[in-house]
Amino acid sequence: MASSSSGKHPRYRGIRCQGGKWVSEIREPRKTKRIWLGTFPTPEMAAAAYDVAVLALKREDAVLNFPGSIKSYPVPASMSALDIRAVVSVAGEFASDSGPRGRRRGW
C-alpha cells in the first residue's frame, strides 16, 4: 500500500495513491513542468505508464519499475507530452495483463 503520509508507493517510482486510485506523473528533465500520465486502478498499471514516460525522456539513464519489460513497452513518436500520454495507456494495459486485472479510468 501507500507509505504513511505522502501517498507514494514504497516499491514503484513515479506513482502515488490519491483517493483510492493510483496516479502517475513525471517531471520533464531540467524543467519544473510535470507530465500527467493518468489515473489507474492498480499500482502496477501506473508504474508501467511511468516506465514508458521515463524511457522516452531519459533513455539510457532511466530507472525502471519493470526492467524486464523494456522490450515490450511502446515507444512514443517524440519526447513531447502529447506523444508520451498517447502511448502510456498501452503500457497500462500491458501491466493489467501481467498483473491484477482492472479497467483503466480517467482517460
N, C-alpha and C. Protein backbone atom coordinates (compact mmCIF):
# COMPACT_ATOMS: atom_id res chain seq x y z
N MET A 1 0.83 -1.19 0.00
CA MET A 1 0.00 0.00 0.00
C MET A 1 0.86 1.25 0.00
N ALA A 2 0.23 2.38 0.08
CA ALA A 2 0.94 3.64 0.07
C ALA A 2 1.67 3.86 1.38
N SER A 3 2.80 4.58 1.30
CA SER A 3 3.52 4.90 2.52
C SER A 3 2.75 5.92 3.33
N SER A 4 3.13 6.09 4.55
CA SER A 4 2.39 6.85 5.56
C SER A 4 1.65 8.08 5.05
N SER A 5 2.29 9.23 4.96
CA SER A 5 1.53 10.44 4.66
C SER A 5 1.67 10.94 3.23
N SER A 6 2.68 10.52 2.51
CA SER A 6 2.93 11.07 1.18
C SER A 6 2.05 10.47 0.10
N GLY A 7 1.55 9.26 0.30
CA GLY A 7 0.76 8.59 -0.72
C GLY A 7 1.62 7.87 -1.74
N LYS A 8 2.96 8.03 -1.66
CA LYS A 8 3.86 7.37 -2.61
C LYS A 8 3.89 5.87 -2.34
N HIS A 9 4.08 5.11 -3.39
CA HIS A 9 4.19 3.66 -3.26
C HIS A 9 5.60 3.34 -2.78
N PRO A 10 5.76 2.43 -1.82
CA PRO A 10 7.09 2.12 -1.30
C PRO A 10 7.98 1.35 -2.28
N ARG A 11 7.40 0.80 -3.34
CA ARG A 11 8.17 -0.03 -4.26
C ARG A 11 8.33 0.60 -5.65
N TYR A 12 7.31 1.27 -6.13
CA TYR A 12 7.33 1.79 -7.50
C TYR A 12 7.62 3.28 -7.54
N ARG A 13 8.36 3.69 -8.57
CA ARG A 13 8.68 5.10 -8.78
C ARG A 13 7.58 5.76 -9.61
N GLY A 14 7.39 7.07 -9.38
CA GLY A 14 6.53 7.86 -10.23
C GLY A 14 5.04 7.72 -10.02
N ILE A 15 4.64 7.07 -8.93
CA ILE A 15 3.21 6.88 -8.70
C ILE A 15 2.87 7.24 -7.26
N ARG A 16 1.59 7.51 -7.03
CA ARG A 16 1.10 7.75 -5.67
C ARG A 16 -0.38 7.42 -5.63
N CYS A 17 -0.86 7.18 -4.42
CA CYS A 17 -2.27 6.88 -4.22
C CYS A 17 -3.01 8.17 -3.93
N GLN A 18 -4.10 8.36 -4.63
CA GLN A 18 -4.92 9.56 -4.45
C GLN A 18 -6.38 9.13 -4.51
N GLY A 19 -7.06 9.25 -3.40
CA GLY A 19 -8.48 8.89 -3.37
C GLY A 19 -8.75 7.43 -3.68
N GLY A 20 -7.84 6.54 -3.31
CA GLY A 20 -8.04 5.12 -3.54
C GLY A 20 -7.64 4.64 -4.92
N LYS A 21 -7.19 5.54 -5.78
CA LYS A 21 -6.71 5.19 -7.13
C LYS A 21 -5.24 5.54 -7.22
N TRP A 22 -4.58 5.01 -8.21
CA TRP A 22 -3.15 5.25 -8.39
C TRP A 22 -2.94 6.22 -9.54
N VAL A 23 -2.18 7.26 -9.27
CA VAL A 23 -1.90 8.27 -10.29
C VAL A 23 -0.42 8.23 -10.63
N SER A 24 -0.12 8.59 -11.86
CA SER A 24 1.25 8.59 -12.33
C SER A 24 1.53 9.89 -13.06
N GLU A 25 2.69 10.46 -12.76
CA GLU A 25 3.15 11.66 -13.44
C GLU A 25 4.67 11.68 -13.39
N ILE A 26 5.26 12.48 -14.26
CA ILE A 26 6.71 12.56 -14.33
C ILE A 26 7.12 14.00 -14.61
N ARG A 27 8.22 14.41 -14.03
CA ARG A 27 8.74 15.75 -14.27
C ARG A 27 9.64 15.71 -15.51
N GLU A 28 9.47 16.69 -16.36
CA GLU A 28 10.31 16.77 -17.54
C GLU A 28 11.73 17.14 -17.11
N PRO A 29 12.76 16.54 -17.73
CA PRO A 29 14.14 16.84 -17.35
C PRO A 29 14.46 18.34 -17.50
N ARG A 30 15.13 18.86 -16.49
CA ARG A 30 15.59 20.25 -16.46
C ARG A 30 14.44 21.26 -16.55
N LYS A 31 13.24 20.85 -16.15
CA LYS A 31 12.08 21.74 -16.14
C LYS A 31 11.29 21.48 -14.86
N THR A 32 10.45 22.44 -14.51
CA THR A 32 9.59 22.24 -13.34
C THR A 32 8.24 21.65 -13.75
N LYS A 33 7.96 21.64 -15.03
CA LYS A 33 6.69 21.15 -15.54
C LYS A 33 6.59 19.63 -15.42
N ARG A 34 5.41 19.16 -15.06
CA ARG A 34 5.16 17.72 -14.97
C ARG A 34 4.24 17.27 -16.11
N ILE A 35 4.40 16.02 -16.49
CA ILE A 35 3.51 15.42 -17.49
C ILE A 35 2.59 14.46 -16.73
N TRP A 36 1.29 14.74 -16.81
CA TRP A 36 0.29 13.88 -16.17
C TRP A 36 0.09 12.65 -17.04
N LEU A 37 0.29 11.47 -16.47
CA LEU A 37 0.19 10.24 -17.23
C LEU A 37 -1.15 9.54 -17.06
N GLY A 38 -1.83 9.80 -15.96
CA GLY A 38 -3.16 9.23 -15.81
C GLY A 38 -3.45 8.68 -14.44
N THR A 39 -4.67 8.18 -14.29
CA THR A 39 -5.18 7.56 -13.08
C THR A 39 -5.47 6.10 -13.39
N PHE A 40 -5.04 5.21 -12.52
CA PHE A 40 -5.13 3.78 -12.78
C PHE A 40 -5.68 3.04 -11.57
N PRO A 41 -6.33 1.91 -11.77
CA PRO A 41 -6.89 1.16 -10.64
C PRO A 41 -5.84 0.38 -9.84
N THR A 42 -4.68 0.09 -10.43
CA THR A 42 -3.65 -0.67 -9.71
C THR A 42 -2.32 0.05 -9.76
N PRO A 43 -1.47 -0.16 -8.76
CA PRO A 43 -0.15 0.46 -8.79
C PRO A 43 0.72 -0.06 -9.94
N GLU A 44 0.53 -1.31 -10.33
CA GLU A 44 1.32 -1.87 -11.43
C GLU A 44 1.03 -1.16 -12.75
N MET A 45 -0.23 -0.85 -12.99
CA MET A 45 -0.59 -0.14 -14.23
C MET A 45 0.01 1.27 -14.23
N ALA A 46 -0.06 1.95 -13.11
CA ALA A 46 0.51 3.29 -13.01
C ALA A 46 2.03 3.25 -13.17
N ALA A 47 2.66 2.24 -12.58
CA ALA A 47 4.12 2.11 -12.67
C ALA A 47 4.57 1.81 -14.10
N ALA A 48 3.82 1.01 -14.83
CA ALA A 48 4.16 0.73 -16.23
C ALA A 48 4.03 1.99 -17.08
N ALA A 49 3.03 2.81 -16.81
CA ALA A 49 2.87 4.07 -17.53
C ALA A 49 4.07 4.97 -17.26
N TYR A 50 4.51 5.02 -16.02
CA TYR A 50 5.70 5.81 -15.66
C TYR A 50 6.93 5.29 -16.42
N ASP A 51 7.08 3.97 -16.51
CA ASP A 51 8.23 3.40 -17.22
C ASP A 51 8.30 3.87 -18.66
N VAL A 52 7.17 3.89 -19.36
CA VAL A 52 7.15 4.34 -20.75
C VAL A 52 7.61 5.80 -20.84
N ALA A 53 7.11 6.62 -19.93
CA ALA A 53 7.46 8.04 -19.95
C ALA A 53 8.93 8.26 -19.61
N VAL A 54 9.43 7.58 -18.59
CA VAL A 54 10.82 7.79 -18.20
C VAL A 54 11.77 7.28 -19.28
N LEU A 55 11.41 6.21 -19.98
CA LEU A 55 12.24 5.75 -21.10
C LEU A 55 12.29 6.78 -22.22
N ALA A 56 11.17 7.40 -22.51
CA ALA A 56 11.13 8.41 -23.57
C ALA A 56 11.94 9.64 -23.20
N LEU A 57 11.90 10.02 -21.93
CA LEU A 57 12.56 11.26 -21.51
C LEU A 57 14.02 11.08 -21.12
N LYS A 58 14.37 9.96 -20.54
CA LYS A 58 15.74 9.79 -20.01
C LYS A 58 16.55 8.72 -20.72
N ARG A 59 15.91 7.97 -21.57
CA ARG A 59 16.56 6.92 -22.37
C ARG A 59 17.46 6.00 -21.53
N GLU A 60 18.75 5.96 -21.80
CA GLU A 60 19.64 5.03 -21.11
C GLU A 60 19.83 5.35 -19.63
N ASP A 61 19.48 6.54 -19.19
CA ASP A 61 19.59 6.91 -17.78
C ASP A 61 18.34 6.56 -16.98
N ALA A 62 17.36 5.97 -17.63
CA ALA A 62 16.08 5.67 -16.98
C ALA A 62 16.23 4.56 -15.94
N VAL A 63 15.60 4.78 -14.80
CA VAL A 63 15.48 3.75 -13.77
C VAL A 63 14.04 3.27 -13.83
N LEU A 64 13.85 2.00 -14.17
CA LEU A 64 12.52 1.46 -14.43
C LEU A 64 11.94 0.69 -13.26
N ASN A 65 10.64 0.66 -13.20
CA ASN A 65 9.93 -0.17 -12.23
C ASN A 65 9.95 -1.63 -12.66
N PHE A 66 9.86 -1.87 -13.97
CA PHE A 66 9.83 -3.22 -14.52
C PHE A 66 10.90 -3.35 -15.62
N PRO A 67 12.19 -3.46 -15.23
CA PRO A 67 13.24 -3.51 -16.25
C PRO A 67 13.13 -4.71 -17.19
N GLY A 68 12.53 -5.77 -16.77
CA GLY A 68 12.36 -6.94 -17.62
C GLY A 68 11.34 -6.76 -18.73
N SER A 69 10.57 -5.69 -18.65
CA SER A 69 9.52 -5.44 -19.65
C SER A 69 9.92 -4.42 -20.70
N ILE A 70 11.14 -3.97 -20.68
CA ILE A 70 11.58 -2.86 -21.53
C ILE A 70 11.31 -3.12 -23.02
N LYS A 71 11.48 -4.33 -23.49
CA LYS A 71 11.30 -4.63 -24.91
C LYS A 71 9.83 -4.65 -25.33
N SER A 72 8.93 -4.79 -24.38
CA SER A 72 7.52 -4.87 -24.72
C SER A 72 6.81 -3.51 -24.63
N TYR A 73 7.49 -2.49 -24.12
CA TYR A 73 6.85 -1.18 -23.98
C TYR A 73 6.76 -0.47 -25.32
N PRO A 74 5.68 0.25 -25.55
CA PRO A 74 5.57 1.06 -26.76
C PRO A 74 6.51 2.26 -26.68
N VAL A 75 6.91 2.76 -27.83
CA VAL A 75 7.82 3.90 -27.89
C VAL A 75 7.07 5.11 -28.44
N PRO A 76 7.05 6.23 -27.70
CA PRO A 76 6.38 7.42 -28.20
C PRO A 76 7.07 7.94 -29.46
N ALA A 77 6.32 8.62 -30.31
CA ALA A 77 6.87 9.17 -31.55
C ALA A 77 7.90 10.26 -31.27
N SER A 78 7.76 10.96 -30.14
CA SER A 78 8.71 12.01 -29.77
C SER A 78 8.73 12.13 -28.25
N MET A 79 9.49 13.09 -27.75
CA MET A 79 9.56 13.33 -26.31
C MET A 79 8.50 14.32 -25.84
N SER A 80 7.56 14.67 -26.71
CA SER A 80 6.52 15.62 -26.33
C SER A 80 5.54 14.98 -25.35
N ALA A 81 4.97 15.81 -24.49
CA ALA A 81 3.99 15.32 -23.51
C ALA A 81 2.81 14.65 -24.21
N LEU A 82 2.38 15.20 -25.32
CA LEU A 82 1.24 14.64 -26.06
C LEU A 82 1.54 13.23 -26.57
N ASP A 83 2.72 13.04 -27.16
CA ASP A 83 3.08 11.72 -27.66
C ASP A 83 3.28 10.71 -26.53
N ILE A 84 3.85 11.16 -25.42
CA ILE A 84 4.06 10.26 -24.29
C ILE A 84 2.72 9.81 -23.72
N ARG A 85 1.81 10.75 -23.52
CA ARG A 85 0.48 10.38 -22.99
C ARG A 85 -0.27 9.46 -23.94
N ALA A 86 -0.02 9.59 -25.24
CA ALA A 86 -0.72 8.76 -26.22
C ALA A 86 -0.37 7.28 -26.09
N VAL A 87 0.84 6.97 -25.61
CA VAL A 87 1.24 5.56 -25.55
C VAL A 87 1.19 4.96 -24.15
N VAL A 88 1.03 5.78 -23.09
CA VAL A 88 1.04 5.20 -21.74
C VAL A 88 -0.14 4.28 -21.48
N SER A 89 -1.24 4.50 -22.15
CA SER A 89 -2.39 3.62 -21.93
C SER A 89 -2.08 2.20 -22.37
N VAL A 90 -1.29 2.06 -23.41
CA VAL A 90 -0.89 0.73 -23.88
C VAL A 90 -0.05 0.03 -22.82
N ALA A 91 0.85 0.78 -22.20
CA ALA A 91 1.69 0.20 -21.15
C ALA A 91 0.84 -0.19 -19.95
N GLY A 92 -0.15 0.62 -19.62
CA GLY A 92 -1.04 0.28 -18.51
C GLY A 92 -1.80 -1.00 -18.78
N GLU A 93 -2.24 -1.19 -20.01
CA GLU A 93 -2.94 -2.42 -20.37
C GLU A 93 -2.00 -3.62 -20.29
N PHE A 94 -0.73 -3.42 -20.67
CA PHE A 94 0.25 -4.50 -20.57
C PHE A 94 0.37 -4.94 -19.11
N ALA A 95 0.46 -3.97 -18.21
CA ALA A 95 0.59 -4.30 -16.78
C ALA A 95 -0.66 -5.00 -16.28
N SER A 96 -1.82 -4.63 -16.79
CA SER A 96 -3.05 -5.29 -16.33
C SER A 96 -3.11 -6.72 -16.83
N ASP A 97 -2.48 -7.01 -17.98
CA ASP A 97 -2.45 -8.37 -18.49
C ASP A 97 -1.50 -9.26 -17.69
N SER A 98 -0.42 -8.68 -17.18
CA SER A 98 0.56 -9.48 -16.46
C SER A 98 0.39 -9.41 -14.96
N GLY A 99 -0.50 -8.55 -14.50
CA GLY A 99 -0.71 -8.40 -13.07
C GLY A 99 -2.18 -8.42 -12.76
N PRO A 100 -2.59 -7.69 -11.70
CA PRO A 100 -4.01 -7.65 -11.36
C PRO A 100 -4.83 -7.07 -12.49
N ARG A 101 -5.98 -7.64 -12.72
CA ARG A 101 -6.85 -7.17 -13.80
C ARG A 101 -7.68 -5.99 -13.33
N GLY A 102 -8.02 -5.13 -14.26
CA GLY A 102 -8.85 -4.00 -13.91
C GLY A 102 -9.04 -3.10 -15.11
N ARG A 103 -10.04 -2.24 -15.05
CA ARG A 103 -10.29 -1.31 -16.14
C ARG A 103 -9.66 0.01 -15.80
N ARG A 104 -9.03 0.60 -16.77
CA ARG A 104 -8.38 1.89 -16.60
C ARG A 104 -9.45 2.97 -16.54
N ARG A 105 -9.24 3.94 -15.68
CA ARG A 105 -10.18 5.05 -15.58
C ARG A 105 -9.44 6.36 -15.68
N GLY A 106 -10.15 7.41 -16.00
CA GLY A 106 -9.56 8.72 -16.02
C GLY A 106 -8.95 9.13 -17.35
N TRP A 107 -9.21 8.34 -18.40
CA TRP A 107 -8.63 8.68 -19.71
C TRP A 107 -9.69 9.24 -20.59
